PDB file of N, CA and C in Angstrom:
ATOM      1  N   MET A   1      27.481  24.779  -6.984  1.00  0.00           N
ATOM      2  CA  MET A   1      26.054  25.135  -6.692  1.00  0.00           C
ATOM      3  C   MET A   1      26.455  25.824  -5.036  1.00  0.00           C
ATOM      4  N   ASN A   2      26.049  26.751  -4.587  1.00  0.00           N
ATOM      5  CA  ASN A   2      26.396  27.045  -3.429  1.00  0.00           C
ATOM      6  C   ASN A   2      25.402  26.460  -2.189  1.00  0.00           C
ATOM      7  N   MET A   3      25.891  26.362  -1.030  1.00  0.00           N
ATOM      8  CA  MET A   3      25.258  25.932  -0.142  1.00  0.00           C
ATOM      9  C   MET A   3      23.446  26.234   0.085  1.00  0.00           C
ATOM     10  N   GLN A   4      23.189  27.318   0.075  1.00  0.00           N
ATOM     11  CA  GLN A   4      21.824  27.988   0.240  1.00  0.00           C
ATOM     12  C   GLN A   4      21.032  26.966  -0.995  1.00  0.00           C
ATOM     13  N   ALA A   5      21.530  27.411  -2.157  1.00  0.00           N
ATOM     14  CA  ALA A   5      21.095  26.702  -3.460  1.00  0.00           C
ATOM     15  C   ALA A   5      20.638  25.100  -3.185  1.00  0.00           C
ATOM     16  N   MET A   6      21.652  24.539  -2.613  1.00  0.00           N
ATOM     17  CA  MET A   6      21.651  22.922  -2.321  1.00  0.00           C
ATOM     18  C   MET A   6      20.401  22.753  -1.192  1.00  0.00           C
ATOM     19  N   MET A   7      20.394  23.460  -0.157  1.00  0.00           N
ATOM     20  CA  MET A   7      19.601  23.826   0.998  1.00  0.00           C
ATOM     21  C   MET A   7      18.189  23.714   0.546  1.00  0.00           C
ATOM     22  N   LYS A   8      17.648  24.840  -0.436  1.00  0.00           N
ATOM     23  CA  LYS A   8      16.773  24.895  -1.178  1.00  0.00           C
ATOM     24  C   LYS A   8      16.284  23.938  -1.713  1.00  0.00           C
ATOM     25  N   GLN A   9      16.989  23.178  -2.607  1.00  0.00           N
ATOM     26  CA  GLN A   9      16.817  21.930  -3.407  1.00  0.00           C
ATOM     27  C   GLN A   9      16.102  20.684  -2.302  1.00  0.00           C
ATOM     28  N   ALA A  10      17.186  20.641  -1.360  1.00  0.00           N
ATOM     29  CA  ALA A  10      16.935  19.791  -0.372  1.00  0.00           C
ATOM     30  C   ALA A  10      15.513  19.538   0.150  1.00  0.00           C
ATOM     31  N   GLN A  11      15.098  21.037   0.476  1.00  0.00           N
ATOM     32  CA  GLN A  11      13.632  21.368   1.126  1.00  0.00           C
ATOM     33  C   GLN A  11      12.561  21.022   0.081  1.00  0.00           C
ATOM     34  N   LYS A  12      12.914  21.460  -1.239  1.00  0.00           N
ATOM     35  CA  LYS A  12      11.778  21.041  -2.184  1.00  0.00           C
ATOM     36  C   LYS A  12      11.882  19.615  -2.063  1.00  0.00           C
ATOM     37  N   LEU A  13      12.794  18.873  -2.334  1.00  0.00           N
ATOM     38  CA  LEU A  13      12.551  17.244  -2.457  1.00  0.00           C
ATOM     39  C   LEU A  13      12.132  16.813  -1.367  1.00  0.00           C
ATOM     40  N   GLN A  14      12.224  17.119  -0.100  1.00  0.00           N
ATOM     41  CA  GLN A  14      11.573  16.678   1.076  1.00  0.00           C
ATOM     42  C   GLN A  14      10.312  16.969   0.981  1.00  0.00           C
ATOM     43  N   LYS A  15       9.745  17.982   0.610  1.00  0.00           N
ATOM     44  CA  LYS A  15       8.243  18.475   0.339  1.00  0.00           C
ATOM     45  C   LYS A  15       7.723  17.658  -0.429  1.00  0.00           C
ATOM     46  N   ASP A  16       8.276  17.528  -2.026  1.00  0.00           N
ATOM     47  CA  ASP A  16       7.941  16.605  -2.664  1.00  0.00           C
ATOM     48  C   ASP A  16       7.287  15.021  -2.228  1.00  0.00           C
ATOM     49  N   MET A  17       8.491  14.800  -1.648  1.00  0.00           N
ATOM     50  CA  MET A  17       8.408  13.539  -1.223  1.00  0.00           C
ATOM     51  C   MET A  17       6.930  13.095   0.044  1.00  0.00           C
ATOM     52  N   MET A  18       6.970  14.004   0.944  1.00  0.00           N
ATOM     53  CA  MET A  18       5.925  13.949   1.864  1.00  0.00           C
ATOM     54  C   MET A  18       4.602  14.332   0.950  1.00  0.00           C
ATOM     55  N   ASN A  19       4.466  15.221  -0.043  1.00  0.00           N
ATOM     56  CA  ASN A  19       3.289  15.087  -0.776  1.00  0.00           C
ATOM     57  C   ASN A  19       2.867  13.961  -1.668  1.00  0.00           C
ATOM     58  N   GLU A  20       3.739  13.197  -1.866  1.00  0.00           N
ATOM     59  CA  GLU A  20       3.623  11.987  -2.711  1.00  0.00           C
ATOM     60  C   GLU A  20       3.299  10.785  -1.837  1.00  0.00           C
ATOM     61  N   LYS A  21       3.751  10.892  -0.496  1.00  0.00           N
ATOM     62  CA  LYS A  21       3.359   9.713   0.959  1.00  0.00           C
ATOM     63  C   LYS A  21       1.992  10.116   1.153  1.00  0.00           C
ATOM     64  N   GLU A  22       1.539  11.198   1.119  1.00  0.00           N
ATOM     65  CA  GLU A  22       0.344  11.529   1.835  1.00  0.00           C
ATOM     66  C   GLU A  22      -0.507  11.252   0.470  1.00  0.00           C
ATOM     67  N   ALA A  23      -0.327  11.355  -0.636  1.00  0.00           N
ATOM     68  CA  ALA A  23      -1.260  10.921  -1.442  1.00  0.00           C
ATOM     69  C   ALA A  23      -1.506   9.289  -1.479  1.00  0.00           C
ATOM     70  N   ILE A  24      -0.442   8.820  -1.353  1.00  0.00           N
ATOM     71  CA  ILE A  24      -0.572   7.224  -1.504  1.00  0.00           C
ATOM     72  C   ILE A  24      -1.150   6.846  -0.213  1.00  0.00           C
ATOM     73  N   ASP A  25      -0.929   7.056   0.893  1.00  0.00           N
ATOM     74  CA  ASP A  25      -1.937   7.368   2.103  1.00  0.00           C
ATOM     75  C   ASP A  25      -3.050   7.045   1.906  1.00  0.00           C
ATOM     76  N   LYS A  26      -3.663   8.364   0.942  1.00  0.00           N
ATOM     77  CA  LYS A  26      -4.893   8.469   0.908  1.00  0.00           C
ATOM     78  C   LYS A  26      -5.774   7.598  -0.156  1.00  0.00           C
ATOM     79  N   MET A  27      -4.798   6.598  -0.774  1.00  0.00           N
ATOM     80  CA  MET A  27      -5.570   6.058  -1.865  1.00  0.00           C
ATOM     81  C   MET A  27      -5.987   4.704  -1.111  1.00  0.00           C
ATOM     82  N   LYS A  28      -7.042   4.040  -1.893  1.00  0.00           N
ATOM     83  CA  LYS A  28      -7.366   3.019  -1.141  1.00  0.00           C
ATOM     84  C   LYS A  28      -6.967   1.369  -2.237  1.00  0.00           C
ATOM     85  N   PHE A  29      -6.643   0.396  -1.671  1.00  0.00           N
ATOM     86  CA  PHE A  29      -6.412  -0.763  -2.242  1.00  0.00           C
ATOM     87  C   PHE A  29      -7.021  -1.902  -1.953  1.00  0.00           C
ATOM     88  N   LYS A  30      -7.482  -2.590  -3.443  1.00  0.00           N
ATOM     89  CA  LYS A  30      -8.179  -3.785  -2.749  1.00  0.00           C
ATOM     90  C   LYS A  30      -7.766  -5.179  -3.307  1.00  0.00           C
ATOM     91  N   GLY A  31      -7.402  -6.083  -2.225  1.00  0.00           N
ATOM     92  CA  GLY A  31      -7.111  -7.153  -2.306  1.00  0.00           C
ATOM     93  C   GLY A  31      -7.883  -8.110  -2.857  1.00  0.00           C
ATOM     94  N   ILE A  32      -8.041  -9.243  -3.475  1.00  0.00           N
ATOM     95  CA  ILE A  32      -8.889 -10.203  -4.030  1.00  0.00           C
ATOM     96  C   ILE A  32      -8.345 -11.442  -4.070  1.00  0.00           C
ATOM     97  N   SER A  33      -8.857 -12.517  -3.070  1.00  0.00           N
ATOM     98  CA  SER A  33      -8.531 -13.728  -3.365  1.00  0.00           C
ATOM     99  C   SER A  33      -9.745 -14.508  -3.142  1.00  0.00           C
ATOM    100  N   SER A  34     -10.287 -15.144  -4.266  1.00  0.00           N
ATOM    101  CA  SER A  34     -11.218 -16.195  -4.577  1.00  0.00           C
ATOM    102  C   SER A  34     -12.441 -15.494  -4.064  1.00  0.00           C
ATOM    103  N   PHE A  35     -13.341 -15.980  -2.958  1.00  0.00           N
ATOM    104  CA  PHE A  35     -14.409 -15.073  -2.653  1.00  0.00           C
ATOM    105  C   PHE A  35     -14.022 -14.112  -1.308  1.00  0.00           C
ATOM    106  N   VAL A  36     -13.125 -13.788  -1.124  1.00  0.00           N
ATOM    107  CA  VAL A  36     -12.640 -12.619  -0.040  1.00  0.00           C
ATOM    108  C   VAL A  36     -12.384 -11.512  -0.569  1.00  0.00           C
ATOM    109  N   THR A  37     -12.591 -10.434  -0.452  1.00  0.00           N
ATOM    110  CA  THR A  37     -11.848  -9.112  -0.882  1.00  0.00           C
ATOM    111  C   THR A  37     -11.885  -8.313   0.208  1.00  0.00           C
ATOM    112  N   VAL A  38     -10.377  -7.550   0.501  1.00  0.00           N
ATOM    113  CA  VAL A  38     -10.257  -6.794   1.528  1.00  0.00           C
ATOM    114  C   VAL A  38      -9.716  -5.441   1.016  1.00  0.00           C
ATOM    115  N   LEU A  39     -10.200  -4.428   1.689  1.00  0.00           N
ATOM    116  CA  LEU A  39      -9.895  -3.079   1.240  1.00  0.00           C
ATOM    117  C   LEU A  39      -8.960  -2.394   2.272  1.00  0.00           C
ATOM    118  N   MET A  40      -8.114  -1.722   1.755  1.00  0.00           N
ATOM    119  CA  MET A  40      -7.013  -1.189   2.590  1.00  0.00           C
ATOM    120  C   MET A  40      -6.531   0.078   2.398  1.00  0.00           C
ATOM    121  N   LYS A  41      -6.424   0.896   3.228  1.00  0.00           N
ATOM    122  CA  LYS A  41      -5.954   2.360   3.182  1.00  0.00           C
ATOM    123  C   LYS A  41      -4.328   2.121   2.562  1.00  0.00           C
ATOM    124  N   GLY A  42      -3.647   3.459   1.804  1.00  0.00           N
ATOM    125  CA  GLY A  42      -2.172   3.023   1.687  1.00  0.00           C
ATOM    126  C   GLY A  42      -1.103   3.028   2.811  1.00  0.00           C
ATOM    127  N   THR A  43      -2.053   3.567   3.911  1.00  0.00           N
ATOM    128  CA  THR A  43      -1.138   3.175   5.116  1.00  0.00           C
ATOM    129  C   THR A  43      -0.992   1.793   5.438  1.00  0.00           C
ATOM    130  N   LYS A  44      -1.581   0.903   5.009  1.00  0.00           N
ATOM    131  CA  LYS A  44      -1.642  -0.840   4.974  1.00  0.00           C
ATOM    132  C   LYS A  44      -2.815  -0.854   6.252  1.00  0.00           C
ATOM    133  N   GLU A  45      -4.022  -0.060   6.706  1.00  0.00           N
ATOM    134  CA  GLU A  45      -4.634  -0.285   7.286  1.00  0.00           C
ATOM    135  C   GLU A  45      -5.726  -1.088   6.663  1.00  0.00           C
ATOM    136  N   VAL A  46      -6.291  -1.996   7.044  1.00  0.00           N
ATOM    137  CA  VAL A  46      -7.368  -3.009   6.769  1.00  0.00           C
ATOM    138  C   VAL A  46      -8.566  -1.942   7.189  1.00  0.00           C
ATOM    139  N   ILE A  47      -9.556  -1.822   6.212  1.00  0.00           N
ATOM    140  CA  ILE A  47     -11.037  -0.924   6.592  1.00  0.00           C
ATOM    141  C   ILE A  47     -12.111  -1.451   5.925  1.00  0.00           C
ATOM    142  N   ASN A  48     -11.984  -2.894   5.414  1.00  0.00           N
ATOM    143  CA  ASN A  48     -12.916  -3.882   5.033  1.00  0.00           C
ATOM    144  C   ASN A  48     -12.718  -5.022   4.649  1.00  0.00           C
ATOM    145  N   VAL A  49     -13.734  -5.995   5.117  1.00  0.00           N
ATOM    146  CA  VAL A  49     -13.329  -7.409   4.585  1.00  0.00           C
ATOM    147  C   VAL A  49     -14.557  -7.735   3.907  1.00  0.00           C
ATOM    148  N   LYS A  50     -14.835  -8.366   2.802  1.00  0.00           N
ATOM    149  CA  LYS A  50     -16.033  -8.655   2.616  1.00  0.00           C
ATOM    150  C   LYS A  50     -15.850 -10.226   2.323  1.00  0.00           C
ATOM    151  N   ILE A  51     -16.539 -10.903   2.523  1.00  0.00           N
ATOM    152  CA  ILE A  51     -16.555 -12.534   1.977  1.00  0.00           C
ATOM    153  C   ILE A  51     -18.018 -12.988   1.452  1.00  0.00           C
ATOM    154  N   ASP A  52     -17.703 -13.520   0.062  1.00  0.00           N
ATOM    155  CA  ASP A  52     -18.987 -14.002  -0.410  1.00  0.00           C
ATOM    156  C   ASP A  52     -19.856 -15.310   0.289  1.00  0.00           C
ATOM    157  N   ASN A  53     -20.614 -14.999   1.059  1.00  0.00           N
ATOM    158  CA  ASN A  53     -21.158 -15.939   1.936  1.00  0.00           C
ATOM    159  C   ASN A  53     -22.089 -17.218   1.210  1.00  0.00           C
ATOM    160  N   ASP A  54     -22.273 -17.105  -0.028  1.00  0.00           N
ATOM    161  CA  ASP A  54     -22.800 -17.910  -0.955  1.00  0.00           C
ATOM    162  C   ASP A  54     -21.880 -19.290  -1.433  1.00  0.00           C
ATOM    163  N   SER A  55     -20.449 -18.626  -1.274  1.00  0.00           N
ATOM    164  CA  SER A  55     -19.211 -19.546  -1.488  1.00  0.00           C
ATOM    165  C   SER A  55     -18.689 -20.387  -0.580  1.00  0.00           C
ATOM    166  N   ILE A  56     -19.117 -20.213   0.963  1.00  0.00           N
ATOM    167  CA  ILE A  56     -18.642 -21.040   1.920  1.00  0.00           C
ATOM    168  C   ILE A  56     -19.456 -21.733   2.779  1.00  0.00           C
ATOM    169  N   ASP A  57     -18.819 -22.777   3.181  1.00  0.00           N
ATOM    170  CA  ASP A  57     -19.815 -23.799   4.373  1.00  0.00           C
ATOM    171  C   ASP A  57     -19.038 -23.428   5.588  1.00  0.00           C
ATOM    172  N   ASN A  58     -19.684 -23.482   6.645  1.00  0.00           N
ATOM    173  CA  ASN A  58     -18.913 -23.285   8.147  1.00  0.00           C
ATOM    174  C   ASN A  58     -17.868 -24.224   8.209  1.00  0.00           C
ATOM    175  N   ASP A  59     -17.889 -25.249   7.585  1.00  0.00           N
ATOM    176  CA  ASP A  59     -16.387 -26.206   7.852  1.00  0.00           C
ATOM    177  C   ASP A  59     -15.282 -25.758   7.000  1.00  0.00           C
ATOM    178  N   GLU A  60     -15.341 -24.721   6.093  1.00  0.00           N
ATOM    179  CA  GLU A  60     -14.321 -24.105   5.405  1.00  0.00           C
ATOM    180  C   GLU A  60     -13.638 -22.980   6.102  1.00  0.00           C
ATOM    181  N   ILE A  61     -13.899 -23.019   7.508  1.00  0.00           N
ATOM    182  CA  ILE A  61     -13.441 -21.864   8.459  1.00  0.00           C
ATOM    183  C   ILE A  61     -11.525 -21.361   7.775  1.00  0.00           C
ATOM    184  N   GLU A  62     -10.746 -22.621   8.032  1.00  0.00           N
ATOM    185  CA  GLU A  62      -9.514 -22.637   7.938  1.00  0.00           C
ATOM    186  C   GLU A  62      -9.132 -22.213   6.437  1.00  0.00           C
ATOM    187  N   MET A  63      -9.812 -22.610   5.576  1.00  0.00           N
ATOM    188  CA  MET A  63      -9.718 -22.345   4.210  1.00  0.00           C
ATOM    189  C   MET A  63      -9.781 -20.749   4.208  1.00  0.00           C
ATOM    190  N   LEU A  64     -11.184 -20.035   4.988  1.00  0.00           N
ATOM    191  CA  LEU A  64     -11.184 -18.810   4.697  1.00  0.00           C
ATOM    192  C   LEU A  64     -10.384 -17.925   5.329  1.00  0.00           C
ATOM    193  N   GLU A  65      -9.748 -18.301   6.343  1.00  0.00           N
ATOM    194  CA  GLU A  65      -8.635 -17.722   7.075  1.00  0.00           C
ATOM    195  C   GLU A  65      -7.382 -17.499   6.193  1.00  0.00           C
ATOM    196  N   ASP A  66      -7.305 -18.481   5.459  1.00  0.00           N
ATOM    197  CA  ASP A  66      -6.150 -18.607   4.834  1.00  0.00           C
ATOM    198  C   ASP A  66      -6.458 -17.524   3.261  1.00  0.00           C
ATOM    199  N   MET A  67      -7.509 -17.844   2.864  1.00  0.00           N
ATOM    200  CA  MET A  67      -7.967 -16.598   1.927  1.00  0.00           C
ATOM    201  C   MET A  67      -7.970 -15.271   2.286  1.00  0.00           C
ATOM    202  N   ILE A  68      -8.495 -14.869   3.540  1.00  0.00           N
ATOM    203  CA  ILE A  68      -8.378 -13.308   3.884  1.00  0.00           C
ATOM    204  C   ILE A  68      -6.743 -13.224   3.950  1.00  0.00           C
ATOM    205  N   MET A  69      -5.723 -14.306   4.395  1.00  0.00           N
ATOM    206  CA  MET A  69      -4.516 -13.651   4.392  1.00  0.00           C
ATOM    207  C   MET A  69      -3.915 -13.495   2.968  1.00  0.00           C
ATOM    208  N   VAL A  70      -4.314 -14.276   2.102  1.00  0.00           N
ATOM    209  CA  VAL A  70      -3.757 -14.079   0.651  1.00  0.00           C
ATOM    210  C   VAL A  70      -4.486 -12.544   0.041  1.00  0.00           C
ATOM    211  N   ALA A  71      -5.569 -12.294   0.737  1.00  0.00           N
ATOM    212  CA  ALA A  71      -6.309 -11.001  -0.058  1.00  0.00           C
ATOM    213  C   ALA A  71      -5.443  -9.654   0.614  1.00  0.00           C
ATOM    214  N   VAL A  72      -5.148  -9.820   2.079  1.00  0.00           N
ATOM    215  CA  VAL A  72      -4.719  -9.170   2.290  1.00  0.00           C
ATOM    216  C   VAL A  72      -3.290  -8.855   2.271  1.00  0.00           C
ATOM    217  N   ASN A  73      -2.199  -9.701   1.733  1.00  0.00           N
ATOM    218  CA  ASN A  73      -1.049  -9.700   1.351  1.00  0.00           C
ATOM    219  C   ASN A  73      -1.097  -9.098  -0.150  1.00  0.00           C
ATOM    220  N   ASP A  74      -2.228  -9.262  -1.119  1.00  0.00           N
ATOM    221  CA  ASP A  74      -2.214  -8.953  -2.045  1.00  0.00           C
ATOM    222  C   ASP A  74      -2.555  -7.209  -2.245  1.00  0.00           C
ATOM    223  N   ALA A  75      -3.332  -6.903  -1.360  1.00  0.00           N
ATOM    224  CA  ALA A  75      -3.441  -5.395  -1.212  1.00  0.00           C
ATOM    225  C   ALA A  75      -2.248  -4.660  -0.772  1.00  0.00           C
ATOM    226  N   ILE A  76      -1.452  -5.419   0.506  1.00  0.00           N
ATOM    227  CA  ILE A  76      -0.085  -4.830   0.746  1.00  0.00           C
ATOM    228  C   ILE A  76       0.900  -4.536  -0.235  1.00  0.00           C
ATOM    229  N   ARG A  77       0.795  -5.589  -1.082  1.00  0.00           N
ATOM    230  CA  ARG A  77       2.053  -5.896  -2.511  1.00  0.00           C
ATOM    231  C   ARG A  77       1.410  -4.705  -3.389  1.00  0.00           C
ATOM    232  N   GLN A  78       0.383  -4.317  -3.430  1.00  0.00           N
ATOM    233  CA  GLN A  78      -0.011  -3.052  -4.357  1.00  0.00           C
ATOM    234  C   GLN A  78       0.430  -1.920  -3.702  1.00  0.00           C
ATOM    235  N   ILE A  79       0.119  -1.706  -2.352  1.00  0.00           N
ATOM    236  CA  ILE A  79       0.518  -0.624  -1.803  1.00  0.00           C
ATOM    237  C   ILE A  79       1.941  -0.184  -1.795  1.00  0.00           C
ATOM    238  N   ASP A  80       2.904  -1.243  -1.636  1.00  0.00           N
ATOM    239  CA  ASP A  80       4.280  -1.311  -1.791  1.00  0.00           C
ATOM    240  C   ASP A  80       4.469  -1.056  -3.376  1.00  0.00           C
ATOM    241  N   ALA A  81       4.123  -1.566  -4.161  1.00  0.00           N
ATOM    242  CA  ALA A  81       4.545  -1.296  -5.662  1.00  0.00           C
ATOM    243  C   ALA A  81       4.293   0.268  -5.904  1.00  0.00           C
ATOM    244  N   ILE A  82       3.344   0.698  -5.467  1.00  0.00           N
ATOM    245  CA  ILE A  82       2.445   2.197  -6.063  1.00  0.00           C
ATOM    246  C   ILE A  82       3.518   3.002  -5.472  1.00  0.00           C
ATOM    247  N   THR A  83       3.851   2.480  -4.004  1.00  0.00           N
ATOM    248  CA  THR A  83       4.783   3.531  -3.095  1.00  0.00           C
ATOM    249  C   THR A  83       6.133   3.428  -3.791  1.00  0.00           C
ATOM    250  N   GLU A  84       6.532   2.493  -4.228  1.00  0.00           N
ATOM    251  CA  GLU A  84       7.909   2.421  -4.907  1.00  0.00           C
ATOM    252  C   GLU A  84       8.305   3.044  -6.113  1.00  0.00           C
ATOM    253  N   GLU A  85       6.792   2.832  -6.936  1.00  0.00           N
ATOM    254  CA  GLU A  85       6.717   3.515  -8.046  1.00  0.00           C
ATOM    255  C   GLU A  85       6.806   5.095  -8.319  1.00  0.00           C
ATOM    256  N   LYS A  86       5.974   5.652  -7.030  1.00  0.00           N
ATOM    257  CA  LYS A  86       5.918   7.154  -6.890  1.00  0.00           C
ATOM    258  C   LYS A  86       7.201   7.589  -6.085  1.00  0.00           C
ATOM    259  N   MET A  87       7.487   6.698  -5.161  1.00  0.00           N
ATOM    260  CA  MET A  87       8.572   7.498  -4.238  1.00  0.00           C
ATOM    261  C   MET A  87      10.041   7.138  -4.714  1.00  0.00           C
ATOM    262  N   GLY A  88      10.364   6.175  -5.566  1.00  0.00           N
ATOM    263  CA  GLY A  88      11.552   5.547  -6.267  1.00  0.00           C
ATOM    264  C   GLY A  88      12.427   6.775  -6.707  1.00  0.00           C
ATOM    265  N   LYS A  89      11.802   7.756  -7.252  1.00  0.00           N
ATOM    266  CA  LYS A  89      12.381   8.874  -7.983  1.00  0.00           C
ATOM    267  C   LYS A  89      13.244   9.708  -6.664  1.00  0.00           C
ATOM    268  N   TYR A  90      12.765   9.571  -5.660  1.00  0.00           N
ATOM    269  CA  TYR A  90      13.507  10.427  -4.691  1.00  0.00           C
ATOM    270  C   TYR A  90      14.501   9.477  -3.762  1.00  0.00           C
ATOM    271  N   THR A  91      14.166   8.061  -3.877  1.00  0.00           N
ATOM    272  CA  THR A  91      15.060   7.492  -3.135  1.00  0.00           C
ATOM    273  C   THR A  91      16.229   6.639  -3.892  1.00  0.00           C
ATOM    274  N   GLN A  92      16.098   7.200  -5.229  1.00  0.00           N
ATOM    275  CA  GLN A  92      17.201   6.511  -6.119  1.00  0.00           C
ATOM    276  C   GLN A  92      17.451   5.272  -5.914  1.00  0.00           C
ATOM    277  N   GLY A  93      16.419   4.169  -6.081  1.00  0.00           N
ATOM    278  CA  GLY A  93      16.691   2.985  -6.285  1.00  0.00           C
ATOM    279  C   GLY A  93      16.803   1.852  -4.914  1.00  0.00           C
ATOM    280  N   MET A  94      16.816   3.109  -3.847  1.00  0.00           N
ATOM    281  CA  MET A  94      16.934   2.345  -2.447  1.00  0.00           C
ATOM    282  C   MET A  94      15.757   1.778  -1.860  1.00  0.00           C
ATOM    283  N   PRO A  95      15.291   0.849  -1.891  1.00  0.00           N
ATOM    284  CA  PRO A  95      14.018   0.234  -1.612  1.00  0.00           C
ATOM    285  C   PRO A  95      13.800   0.287  -0.245  1.00  0.00           C
ATOM    286  N   GLY A  96      12.617   0.262   0.445  1.00  0.00           N
ATOM    287  CA  GLY A  96      12.411   0.141   1.625  1.00  0.00           C
ATOM    288  C   GLY A  96      12.555   1.409   2.517  1.00  0.00           C
ATOM    289  N   LEU A  97      12.959   2.487   2.191  1.00  0.00           N
ATOM    290  CA  LEU A  97      12.737   3.872   2.551  1.00  0.00           C
ATOM    291  C   LEU A  97      11.473   4.362   3.197  1.00  0.00           C
ATOM    292  N   PHE A  98      10.326   3.627   2.651  1.00  0.00           N
ATOM    293  CA  PHE A  98       8.801   4.170   2.995  1.00  0.00           C
ATOM    294  C   PHE A  98       8.227   2.973   2.982  1.00  0.00           C
TER     295      PHE A  98
END
């Protein structure tokens, strides 16, 4: 394969990777933990937190903080999983590139 063909193939691969990453960034992920729901963008930015007010008393704030943390981490795991699924074909099994 000549150098020009290799460069063209590399450019196409880079464009495909960026398109996949942009698609993931635009997706929304919902993390759920008991009575807390967190909505995040594929960029891992939290865009909404919902708390079921009927399920919590004022003296349960510490537990609520833990539930929010669990829900956010759940959404982040989903984003990481879909990113690895979609981008893994480009990174050839080298995790952590995106």
